[in-house]
Amino acid sequence: MASPPTHRNIPKNNPVPVPKPAIIIRPMQLTDTSHLARITALAYANTPVERFLSPLAGQYPGDIIRGHKQSIRRRLLSSRSYSVVACLKSEEGVERVVGFSQLMRLGEDEGAREWVKSHGILKRLSIFILGWFFHYFVKIQNWLFPAKAFSNEALAMLGKWSAEDNKIHWDATAWPERQKRWFVATLVVDPKYQNLGIGRRLMQSGMAIAQREKTIMGLIASPAGERLYLKLGWEKLGEFCHRIPNDDKKGGGVFIWYPEGVYSERYKSGVSS
């Protein structure tokens, strides 16, 4: 007669680990911008930044998406831009764009000129033509349909605060070596796909470019993003001069990253070699 089962011969119901989906990084395309604008609107929805800059966002959601789309497209149509998107592919091979980042190459050094030249003549020409087209398209669009969601006073105030932060950490006289850098203009992940390593992959993609150039990077981090950047080896230069009203979260500020083999005290002392 078979012996009754015991805890020793009952198989354990261990959960099967679910593999993380493969993340694909590819160049951003102009046709991506509408979807990316919606992702950005979702990511910033009802945050202290949105409530401060666009107090009427709830009444005019279209203004928010349009503003994000114009900003994303403007950066994309620059020969100094490194704009990529993160995609997940389903088992059926369907691609879903779930995040993006845009870096801008600042400075007038040889590395910046080489980056611009790397696009090739035809691509630079198309960027120039499309850039001018959308420049006037946006002017007409905003004239015909002026945005009502934003606070011009808050936008001006934020611009002033940003200028103060730049004066402290990126001033050309105090920090000449910091003028040639990659600036992370934006990094956004769809809220539904956060905590999958997508933001890390996007940032590592840009850091690889900077490492090859041996060029420093800079960014402005929110309190939520600070942890990621510190894990990736970024250094915090300082807190913001001003905090967004009603934002009680601690952290965030101005960050810098030194590629391997580039770090030097001159970046902190402001003394150029």
C-alpha atoms as a PDB file:
ATOM      1  CA  MET A   1       0.000   0.000   0.000  1.00  0.00           C
ATOM      2  CA  ALA A   2       1.404   3.328  -0.998  1.00  0.00           C
ATOM      3  CA  SER A   3       2.449   5.574   1.799  1.00  0.00           C
ATOM      4  CA  PRO A   4       0.573   8.859   2.166  1.00  0.00           C
ATOM      5  CA  PRO A   5       2.299  11.884   0.683  1.00  0.00           C
ATOM      6  CA  THR A   6       4.410  13.931   2.990  1.00  0.00           C
ATOM      7  CA  HIS A   7       5.917  17.368   2.781  1.00  0.00           C
ATOM      8  CA  ARG A   8       9.104  15.676   1.567  1.00  0.00           C
ATOM      9  CA  ASN A   9       7.648  14.199  -1.616  1.00  0.00           C
ATOM     10  CA  ILE A  10       5.168  16.941  -2.513  1.00  0.00           C
ATOM     11  CA  PRO A  11       6.712  19.051  -5.310  1.00  0.00           C
ATOM     12  CA  LYS A  12       7.160  22.679  -4.429  1.00  0.00           C
ATOM     13  CA  ASN A  13       5.112  25.147  -6.436  1.00  0.00           C
ATOM     14  CA  ASN A  14       8.012  27.442  -7.308  1.00  0.00           C
ATOM     15  CA  PRO A  15       7.041  30.315  -9.588  1.00  0.00           C
ATOM     16  CA  VAL A  16       8.638  30.225 -13.020  1.00  0.00           C
ATOM     17  CA  PRO A  17      10.706  33.364 -13.541  1.00  0.00           C
ATOM     18  CA  VAL A  18       9.290  35.557 -16.282  1.00  0.00           C
ATOM     19  CA  PRO A  19      12.030  36.778 -18.610  1.00  0.00           C
ATOM     20  CA  LYS A  20      12.191  40.477 -19.271  1.00  0.00           C
ATOM     21  CA  PRO A  21      11.196  41.429 -22.803  1.00  0.00           C
ATOM     22  CA  ALA A  22      13.942  42.263 -25.271  1.00  0.00           C
ATOM     23  CA  ILE A  23      14.448  45.999 -25.623  1.00  0.00           C
ATOM     24  CA  ILE A  24      15.342  47.310 -29.061  1.00  0.00           C
ATOM     25  CA  ILE A  25      16.905  50.744 -29.480  1.00  0.00           C
ATOM     26  CA  ARG A  26      16.517  52.335 -32.894  1.00  0.00           C
ATOM     27  CA  PRO A  27      16.778  55.832 -34.403  1.00  0.00           C
ATOM     28  CA  MET A  28      13.742  58.039 -33.915  1.00  0.00           C
ATOM     29  CA  GLN A  29      11.668  58.767 -37.002  1.00  0.00           C
ATOM     30  CA  LEU A  30       9.464  61.735 -37.768  1.00  0.00           C
ATOM     31  CA  THR A  31       6.447  59.427 -37.807  1.00  0.00           C
ATOM     32  CA  ASP A  32       7.143  58.499 -34.154  1.00  0.00           C
ATOM     33  CA  THR A  33       6.592  61.999 -32.794  1.00  0.00           C
ATOM     34  CA  SER A  34       2.804  61.859 -32.340  1.00  0.00           C
ATOM     35  CA  HIS A  35       3.008  58.658 -30.299  1.00  0.00           C
ATOM     36  CA  LEU A  36       5.981  59.963 -28.306  1.00  0.00           C
ATOM     37  CA  ALA A  37       4.071  63.132 -27.480  1.00  0.00           C
ATOM     38  CA  ARG A  38       1.229  61.053 -26.033  1.00  0.00           C
ATOM     39  CA  ILE A  39       3.715  58.998 -23.989  1.00  0.00           C
ATOM     40  CA  THR A  40       5.263  62.202 -22.633  1.00  0.00           C
ATOM     41  CA  ALA A  41       1.851  63.607 -21.727  1.00  0.00           C
ATOM     42  CA  LEU A  42       1.049  60.410 -19.803  1.00  0.00           C
ATOM     43  CA  ALA A  43       4.423  60.415 -18.027  1.00  0.00           C
ATOM     44  CA  TYR A  44       4.030  64.005 -16.804  1.00  0.00           C
ATOM     45  CA  ALA A  45       0.279  63.919 -16.158  1.00  0.00           C
ATOM     46  CA  ASN A  46      -0.712  65.440 -12.823  1.00  0.00           C
ATOM     47  CA  THR A  47       2.901  65.926 -11.689  1.00  0.00           C
ATOM     48  CA  PRO A  48       4.027  69.098  -9.859  1.00  0.00           C
ATOM     49  CA  VAL A  49       5.803  70.231 -13.042  1.00  0.00           C
ATOM     50  CA  GLU A  50       2.677  69.905 -15.168  1.00  0.00           C
ATOM     51  CA  ARG A  51       0.458  71.552 -12.546  1.00  0.00           C
ATOM     52  CA  PHE A  52       2.897  74.470 -12.356  1.00  0.00           C
ATOM     53  CA  LEU A  53       3.509  75.003 -16.081  1.00  0.00           C
ATOM     54  CA  SER A  54       0.084  74.029 -17.416  1.00  0.00           C
ATOM     55  CA  PRO A  55      -2.609  74.628 -14.802  1.00  0.00           C
ATOM     56  CA  LEU A  56      -5.354  74.206 -17.414  1.00  0.00           C
ATOM     57  CA  ALA A  57      -4.058  70.893 -18.777  1.00  0.00           C
ATOM     58  CA  GLY A  58      -7.261  69.114 -17.793  1.00  0.00           C
ATOM     59  CA  GLN A  59      -9.366  71.514 -19.846  1.00  0.00           C
ATOM     60  CA  TYR A  60      -7.037  71.603 -22.863  1.00  0.00           C
ATOM     61  CA  PRO A  61      -5.250  68.208 -23.098  1.00  0.00           C
ATOM     62  CA  GLY A  62      -4.666  68.718 -26.811  1.00  0.00           C
ATOM     63  CA  ASP A  63      -2.425  71.689 -26.038  1.00  0.00           C
ATOM     64  CA  ILE A  64      -0.191  69.479 -23.902  1.00  0.00           C
ATOM     65  CA  ILE A  65       0.254  66.821 -26.580  1.00  0.00           C
ATOM     66  CA  ARG A  66       0.826  69.452 -29.260  1.00  0.00           C
ATOM     67  CA  GLY A  67       3.471  71.202 -27.145  1.00  0.00           C
ATOM     68  CA  HIS A  68       5.341  67.962 -26.504  1.00  0.00           C
ATOM     69  CA  LYS A  69       5.170  67.008 -30.180  1.00  0.00           C
ATOM     70  CA  GLN A  70       6.576  70.347 -31.273  1.00  0.00           C
ATOM     71  CA  SER A  71       9.477  70.073 -28.799  1.00  0.00           C
ATOM     72  CA  ILE A  72      10.313  66.474 -29.751  1.00  0.00           C
ATOM     73  CA  ARG A  73      10.175  67.262 -33.459  1.00  0.00           C
ATOM     74  CA  ARG A  74      12.291  70.408 -33.084  1.00  0.00           C
ATOM     75  CA  ARG A  75      15.067  68.468 -31.353  1.00  0.00           C
ATOM     76  CA  LEU A  76      14.834  65.623 -33.866  1.00  0.00           C
ATOM     77  CA  LEU A  77      15.271  68.042 -36.766  1.00  0.00           C
ATOM     78  CA  SER A  78      18.680  69.189 -35.575  1.00  0.00           C
ATOM     79  CA  SER A  79      21.985  67.911 -36.917  1.00  0.00           C
ATOM     80  CA  ARG A  80      23.275  68.011 -33.325  1.00  0.00           C
ATOM     81  CA  SER A  81      20.640  65.585 -32.065  1.00  0.00           C
ATOM     82  CA  TYR A  82      20.960  61.951 -31.054  1.00  0.00           C
ATOM     83  CA  SER A  83      17.333  60.843 -30.857  1.00  0.00           C
ATOM     84  CA  VAL A  84      16.380  57.199 -30.313  1.00  0.00           C
ATOM     85  CA  VAL A  85      13.341  55.210 -29.273  1.00  0.00           C
ATOM     86  CA  ALA A  86      13.027  52.036 -27.209  1.00  0.00           C
ATOM     87  CA  CYS A  87      10.797  49.299 -28.597  1.00  0.00           C
ATOM     88  CA  LEU A  88       9.415  46.006 -27.364  1.00  0.00           C
ATOM     89  CA  LYS A  89       8.510  43.286 -29.867  1.00  0.00           C
ATOM     90  CA  SER A  90       5.685  40.848 -29.336  1.00  0.00           C
ATOM     91  CA  GLU A  91       5.935  37.167 -30.251  1.00  0.00           C
ATOM     92  CA  GLU A  92       4.103  38.065 -33.457  1.00  0.00           C
ATOM     93  CA  GLY A  93       6.839  40.558 -34.310  1.00  0.00           C
ATOM     94  CA  VAL A  94       4.723  43.657 -33.679  1.00  0.00           C
ATOM     95  CA  GLU A  95       6.837  46.595 -32.531  1.00  0.00           C
ATOM     96  CA  ARG A  96       5.636  48.832 -29.710  1.00  0.00           C
ATOM     97  CA  VAL A  97       7.460  52.074 -28.965  1.00  0.00           C
ATOM     98  CA  VAL A  98       7.610  52.460 -25.182  1.00  0.00           C
ATOM     99  CA  GLY A  99      10.156  55.218 -24.550  1.00  0.00           C
ATOM    100  CA  PHE A 100      12.643  57.615 -26.061  1.00  0.00           C
ATOM    101  CA  SER A 101      15.584  59.870 -25.340  1.00  0.00           C
ATOM    102  CA  GLN A 102      17.008  62.932 -27.058  1.00  0.00           C
ATOM    103  CA  LEU A 103      20.546  64.197 -26.572  1.00  0.00           C
ATOM    104  CA  MET A 104      22.006  67.393 -27.994  1.00  0.00           C
ATOM    105  CA  ARG A 105      25.693  67.830 -28.799  1.00  0.00           C
ATOM    106  CA  LEU A 106      26.785  71.213 -27.449  1.00  0.00           C
ATOM    107  CA  GLY A 107      30.017  73.057 -28.131  1.00  0.00           C
ATOM    108  CA  GLU A 108      32.024  74.188 -31.143  1.00  0.00           C
ATOM    109  CA  ASP A 109      34.864  71.685 -30.815  1.00  0.00           C
ATOM    110  CA  GLU A 110      36.074  69.213 -33.400  1.00  0.00           C
ATOM    111  CA  GLY A 111      33.948  66.436 -31.925  1.00  0.00           C
ATOM    112  CA  ALA A 112      30.772  68.487 -32.394  1.00  0.00           C
ATOM    113  CA  ARG A 113      31.692  69.265 -35.995  1.00  0.00           C
ATOM    114  CA  GLU A 114      32.425  65.605 -36.682  1.00  0.00           C
ATOM    115  CA  TRP A 115      29.055  64.606 -35.246  1.00  0.00           C
ATOM    116  CA  VAL A 116      27.256  67.018 -37.570  1.00  0.00           C
ATOM    117  CA  LYS A 117      29.272  65.759 -40.564  1.00  0.00           C
ATOM    118  CA  SER A 118      28.497  62.144 -39.682  1.00  0.00           C
ATOM    119  CA  HIS A 119      24.908  62.588 -40.855  1.00  0.00           C
ATOM    120  CA  GLY A 120      25.980  62.991 -44.469  1.00  0.00           C
ATOM    121  CA  ILE A 121      25.136  65.767 -46.903  1.00  0.00           C
ATOM    122  CA  LEU A 122      21.714  64.449 -48.000  1.00  0.00           C
ATOM    123  CA  LYS A 123      20.487  63.882 -44.467  1.00  0.00           C
ATOM    124  CA  ARG A 124      21.736  67.296 -43.339  1.00  0.00           C
ATOM    125  CA  LEU A 125      19.972  68.884 -46.299  1.00  0.00           C
ATOM    126  CA  SER A 126      16.711  67.091 -45.485  1.00  0.00           C
ATOM    127  CA  ILE A 127      17.031  68.114 -41.819  1.00  0.00           C
ATOM    128  CA  PHE A 128      17.571  71.725 -42.874  1.00  0.00           C
ATOM    129  CA  ILE A 129      14.563  71.779 -45.220  1.00  0.00           C
ATOM    130  CA  LEU A 130      12.231  69.997 -42.807  1.00  0.00           C
ATOM    131  CA  GLY A 131      13.474  72.134 -39.936  1.00  0.00           C
ATOM    132  CA  TRP A 132      12.547  75.349 -41.714  1.00  0.00           C
ATOM    133  CA  PHE A 133       9.225  73.928 -42.912  1.00  0.00           C
ATOM    134  CA  PHE A 134       8.118  72.922 -39.428  1.00  0.00           C
ATOM    135  CA  HIS A 135       9.495  76.155 -37.947  1.00  0.00           C
ATOM    136  CA  TYR A 136       6.953  78.156 -39.932  1.00  0.00           C
ATOM    137  CA  PHE A 137       4.299  75.457 -39.665  1.00  0.00           C
ATOM    138  CA  VAL A 138       4.449  75.718 -35.860  1.00  0.00           C
ATOM    139  CA  LYS A 139       4.298  79.507 -35.977  1.00  0.00           C
ATOM    140  CA  ILE A 140       1.133  79.386 -38.096  1.00  0.00           C
ATOM    141  CA  GLN A 141      -0.352  76.561 -36.024  1.00  0.00           C
ATOM    142  CA  ASN A 142       0.185  78.406 -32.754  1.00  0.00           C
ATOM    143  CA  TRP A 143      -1.152  81.633 -34.244  1.00  0.00           C
ATOM    144  CA  LEU A 144      -4.340  79.968 -35.485  1.00  0.00           C
ATOM    145  CA  PHE A 145      -4.771  77.824 -32.372  1.00  0.00           C
ATOM    146  CA  PRO A 146      -3.057  79.524 -29.421  1.00  0.00           C
ATOM    147  CA  ALA A 147      -2.363  77.187 -26.500  1.00  0.00           C
ATOM    148  CA  LYS A 148      -4.519  77.887 -23.446  1.00  0.00           C
ATOM    149  CA  ALA A 149      -3.260  75.190 -21.090  1.00  0.00           C
ATOM    150  CA  PHE A 150       0.046  76.852 -20.219  1.00  0.00           C
ATOM    151  CA  SER A 151       0.936  79.653 -17.840  1.00  0.00           C
ATOM    152  CA  ASN A 152       3.242  82.108 -19.592  1.00  0.00           C
ATOM    153  CA  GLU A 153       4.296  83.471 -16.215  1.00  0.00           C
ATOM    154  CA  ALA A 154       5.295  80.011 -14.976  1.00  0.00           C
ATOM    155  CA  LEU A 155       7.162  79.254 -18.207  1.00  0.00           C
ATOM    156  CA  ALA A 156       9.119  82.497 -17.898  1.00  0.00           C
ATOM    157  CA  MET A 157       9.869  81.762 -14.254  1.00  0.00           C
ATOM    158  CA  LEU A 158      11.151  78.274 -15.050  1.00  0.00           C
ATOM    159  CA  GLY A 159      13.353  79.715 -17.782  1.00  0.00           C
ATOM    160  CA  LYS A 160      14.832  82.168 -15.311  1.00  0.00           C
ATOM    161  CA  TRP A 161      15.480  79.422 -12.764  1.00  0.00           C
ATOM    162  CA  SER A 162      17.149  77.245 -15.398  1.00  0.00           C
ATOM    163  CA  ALA A 163      19.405  80.145 -16.369  1.00  0.00           C
ATOM    164  CA  GLU A 164      20.499  80.461 -12.735  1.00  0.00           C
ATOM    165  CA  ASP A 165      21.346  76.758 -12.561  1.00  0.00           C
ATOM    166  CA  ASN A 166      23.273  77.005 -15.842  1.00  0.00           C
ATOM    167  CA  LYS A 167      25.229  79.978 -14.544  1.00  0.00           C
ATOM    168  CA  ILE A 168      26.358  77.978 -11.517  1.00  0.00           C
ATOM    169  CA  HIS A 169      27.199  74.682 -13.214  1.00  0.00           C
ATOM    170  CA  TRP A 170      27.783  75.330 -16.934  1.00  0.00           C
ATOM    171  CA  ASP A 171      29.020  78.934 -17.215  1.00  0.00           C
ATOM    172  CA  ALA A 172      31.603  79.274 -19.997  1.00  0.00           C
ATOM    173  CA  THR A 173      33.923  81.469 -17.938  1.00  0.00           C
ATOM    174  CA  ALA A 174      33.877  79.350 -14.800  1.00  0.00           C
ATOM    175  CA  TRP A 175      33.692  75.974 -16.557  1.00  0.00           C
ATOM    176  CA  PRO A 176      35.261  76.204 -20.049  1.00  0.00           C
ATOM    177  CA  GLU A 177      35.763  72.439 -20.292  1.00  0.00           C
ATOM    178  CA  ARG A 178      32.075  71.792 -19.708  1.00  0.00           C
ATOM    179  CA  GLN A 179      30.999  73.669 -22.831  1.00  0.00           C
ATOM    180  CA  LYS A 180      31.641  70.678 -25.083  1.00  0.00           C
ATOM    181  CA  ARG A 181      29.211  68.094 -23.812  1.00  0.00           C
ATOM    182  CA  TRP A 182      26.235  65.935 -24.604  1.00  0.00           C
ATOM    183  CA  PHE A 183      23.122  67.333 -22.954  1.00  0.00           C
ATOM    184  CA  VAL A 184      20.300  64.904 -22.187  1.00  0.00           C
ATOM    185  CA  ALA A 185      17.342  67.021 -23.225  1.00  0.00           C
ATOM    186  CA  THR A 186      14.730  64.393 -22.396  1.00  0.00           C
ATOM    187  CA  LEU A 187      14.285  60.754 -21.413  1.00  0.00           C
ATOM    188  CA  VAL A 188      10.748  59.411 -21.143  1.00  0.00           C
ATOM    189  CA  VAL A 189       9.334  55.914 -20.611  1.00  0.00           C
ATOM    190  CA  ASP A 190       5.678  55.007 -21.013  1.00  0.00           C
ATOM    191  CA  PRO A 191       4.302  54.654 -17.450  1.00  0.00           C
ATOM    192  CA  LYS A 192       2.836  51.247 -18.353  1.00  0.00           C
ATOM    193  CA  TYR A 193       6.326  49.918 -19.132  1.00  0.00           C
ATOM    194  CA  GLN A 194       8.439  51.416 -16.387  1.00  0.00           C
ATOM    195  CA  ASN A 195      10.708  49.325 -14.138  1.00  0.00           C
ATOM    196  CA  LEU A 196      11.704  47.062 -17.038  1.00  0.00           C
ATOM    197  CA  GLY A 197      15.146  48.583 -17.577  1.00  0.00           C
ATOM    198  CA  ILE A 198      14.028  50.673 -20.546  1.00  0.00           C
ATOM    199  CA  GLY A 199      15.270  53.984 -19.144  1.00  0.00           C
ATOM    200  CA  ARG A 200      18.630  52.384 -18.362  1.00  0.00           C
ATOM    201  CA  ARG A 201      19.001  51.057 -21.907  1.00  0.00           C
ATOM    202  CA  LEU A 202      18.134  54.425 -23.410  1.00  0.00           C
ATOM    203  CA  MET A 203      20.654  56.193 -21.205  1.00  0.00           C
ATOM    204  CA  GLN A 204      23.364  53.611 -21.874  1.00  0.00           C
ATOM    205  CA  SER A 205      22.847  54.108 -25.606  1.00  0.00           C
ATOM    206  CA  GLY A 206      23.681  57.802 -25.279  1.00  0.00           C
ATOM    207  CA  MET A 207      26.536  57.170 -22.851  1.00  0.00           C
ATOM    208  CA  ALA A 208      28.128  54.825 -25.391  1.00  0.00           C
ATOM    209  CA  ILE A 209      28.235  57.692 -27.915  1.00  0.00           C
ATOM    210  CA  ALA A 210      29.812  60.009 -25.350  1.00  0.00           C
ATOM    211  CA  GLN A 211      32.325  57.329 -24.345  1.00  0.00           C
ATOM    212  CA  ARG A 212      33.477  56.881 -27.951  1.00  0.00           C
ATOM    213  CA  GLU A 213      33.890  60.654 -28.251  1.00  0.00           C
ATOM    214  CA  LYS A 214      35.328  60.908 -24.736  1.00  0.00           C
ATOM    215  CA  THR A 215      32.926  63.777 -24.149  1.00  0.00           C
ATOM    216  CA  ILE A 216      31.246  64.583 -20.845  1.00  0.00           C
ATOM    217  CA  MET A 217      27.465  64.563 -20.438  1.00  0.00           C
ATOM    218  CA  GLY A 218      25.082  66.731 -18.464  1.00  0.00           C
ATOM    219  CA  LEU A 219      21.432  66.570 -17.514  1.00  0.00           C
ATOM    220  CA  ILE A 220      18.744  67.884 -15.212  1.00  0.00           C
ATOM    221  CA  ALA A 221      17.203  65.100 -13.148  1.00  0.00           C
ATOM    222  CA  SER A 222      13.870  64.885 -11.403  1.00  0.00           C
ATOM    223  CA  PRO A 223      13.736  63.351  -7.926  1.00  0.00           C
ATOM    224  CA  ALA A 224      12.365  60.160  -9.504  1.00  0.00           C
ATOM    225  CA  GLY A 225      15.207  59.907 -12.021  1.00  0.00           C
ATOM    226  CA  GLU A 226      18.085  60.616  -9.644  1.00  0.00           C
ATOM    227  CA  ARG A 227      18.448  57.013  -8.489  1.00  0.00           C
ATOM    228  CA  LEU A 228      18.920  55.703 -12.045  1.00  0.00           C
ATOM    229  CA  TYR A 229      21.613  58.229 -12.895  1.00  0.00           C
ATOM    230  CA  LEU A 230      23.564  57.595  -9.713  1.00  0.00           C
ATOM    231  CA  LYS A 231      23.498  53.853 -10.443  1.00  0.00           C
ATOM    232  CA  LEU A 232      24.923  54.549 -13.898  1.00  0.00           C
ATOM    233  CA  GLY A 233      27.860  56.470 -12.451  1.00  0.00           C
ATOM    234  CA  TRP A 234      26.662  60.047 -12.787  1.00  0.00           C
ATOM    235  CA  GLU A 235      27.759  62.649 -10.256  1.00  0.00           C
ATOM    236  CA  LYS A 236      25.476  65.232  -8.742  1.00  0.00           C
ATOM    237  CA  LEU A 237      26.769  68.769  -9.194  1.00  0.00           C
ATOM    238  CA  GLY A 238      24.121  70.351  -7.017  1.00  0.00           C
ATOM    239  CA  GLU A 239      20.486  70.862  -6.124  1.00  0.00           C
ATOM    240  CA  PHE A 240      18.200  73.166  -8.073  1.00  0.00           C
ATOM    241  CA  CYS A 241      18.350  76.834  -7.114  1.00  0.00           C
ATOM    242  CA  HIS A 242      14.555  76.803  -6.942  1.00  0.00           C
ATOM    243  CA  ARG A 243      12.026  74.052  -6.398  1.00  0.00           C
ATOM    244  CA  ILE A 244       8.776  73.623  -8.276  1.00  0.00           C
ATOM    245  CA  PRO A 245       5.977  74.912  -6.017  1.00  0.00           C
ATOM    246  CA  ASN A 246       4.126  72.192  -4.091  1.00  0.00           C
ATOM    247  CA  ASP A 247       6.768  69.588  -4.982  1.00  0.00           C
ATOM    248  CA  ASP A 248       7.656  68.043  -1.621  1.00  0.00           C
ATOM    249  CA  LYS A 249       9.844  65.255  -3.053  1.00  0.00           C
ATOM    250  CA  LYS A 250      13.488  65.512  -2.120  1.00  0.00           C
ATOM    251  CA  GLY A 251      16.277  64.987  -4.610  1.00  0.00           C
ATOM    252  CA  GLY A 252      16.855  65.861  -8.233  1.00  0.00           C
ATOM    253  CA  GLY A 253      19.209  68.492  -9.546  1.00  0.00           C
ATOM    254  CA  VAL A 254      22.067  68.966 -12.012  1.00  0.00           C
ATOM    255  CA  PHE A 255      24.195  65.927 -12.925  1.00  0.00           C
ATOM    256  CA  ILE A 256      27.383  65.269 -14.878  1.00  0.00           C
ATOM    257  CA  TRP A 257      28.984  62.110 -16.262  1.00  0.00           C
ATOM    258  CA  TYR A 258      32.645  61.628 -17.104  1.00  0.00           C
ATOM    259  CA  PRO A 259      33.539  58.962 -19.690  1.00  0.00           C
ATOM    260  CA  GLU A 260      36.223  56.497 -18.709  1.00  0.00           C
ATOM    261  CA  GLY A 261      39.662  57.998 -19.220  1.00  0.00           C
ATOM    262  CA  VAL A 262      38.392  61.576 -19.371  1.00  0.00           C
ATOM    263  CA  TYR A 263      37.894  62.542 -15.733  1.00  0.00           C
ATOM    264  CA  SER A 264      40.107  65.396 -14.657  1.00  0.00           C
ATOM    265  CA  GLU A 265      40.092  67.874 -11.802  1.00  0.00           C
ATOM    266  CA  ARG A 266      39.956  70.666 -14.363  1.00  0.00           C
ATOM    267  CA  TYR A 267      36.218  69.964 -14.832  1.00  0.00           C
ATOM    268  CA  LYS A 268      35.709  70.867 -11.195  1.00  0.00           C
ATOM    269  CA  SER A 269      38.300  73.606 -10.941  1.00  0.00           C
ATOM    270  CA  GLY A 270      37.340  75.322 -14.170  1.00  0.00           C
ATOM    271  CA  VAL A 271      40.981  75.418 -15.295  1.00  0.00           C
ATOM    272  CA  SER A 272      41.377  74.490 -18.937  1.00  0.00           C
ATOM    273  CA  SER A 273      44.313  72.413 -20.079  1.00  0.00           C
END
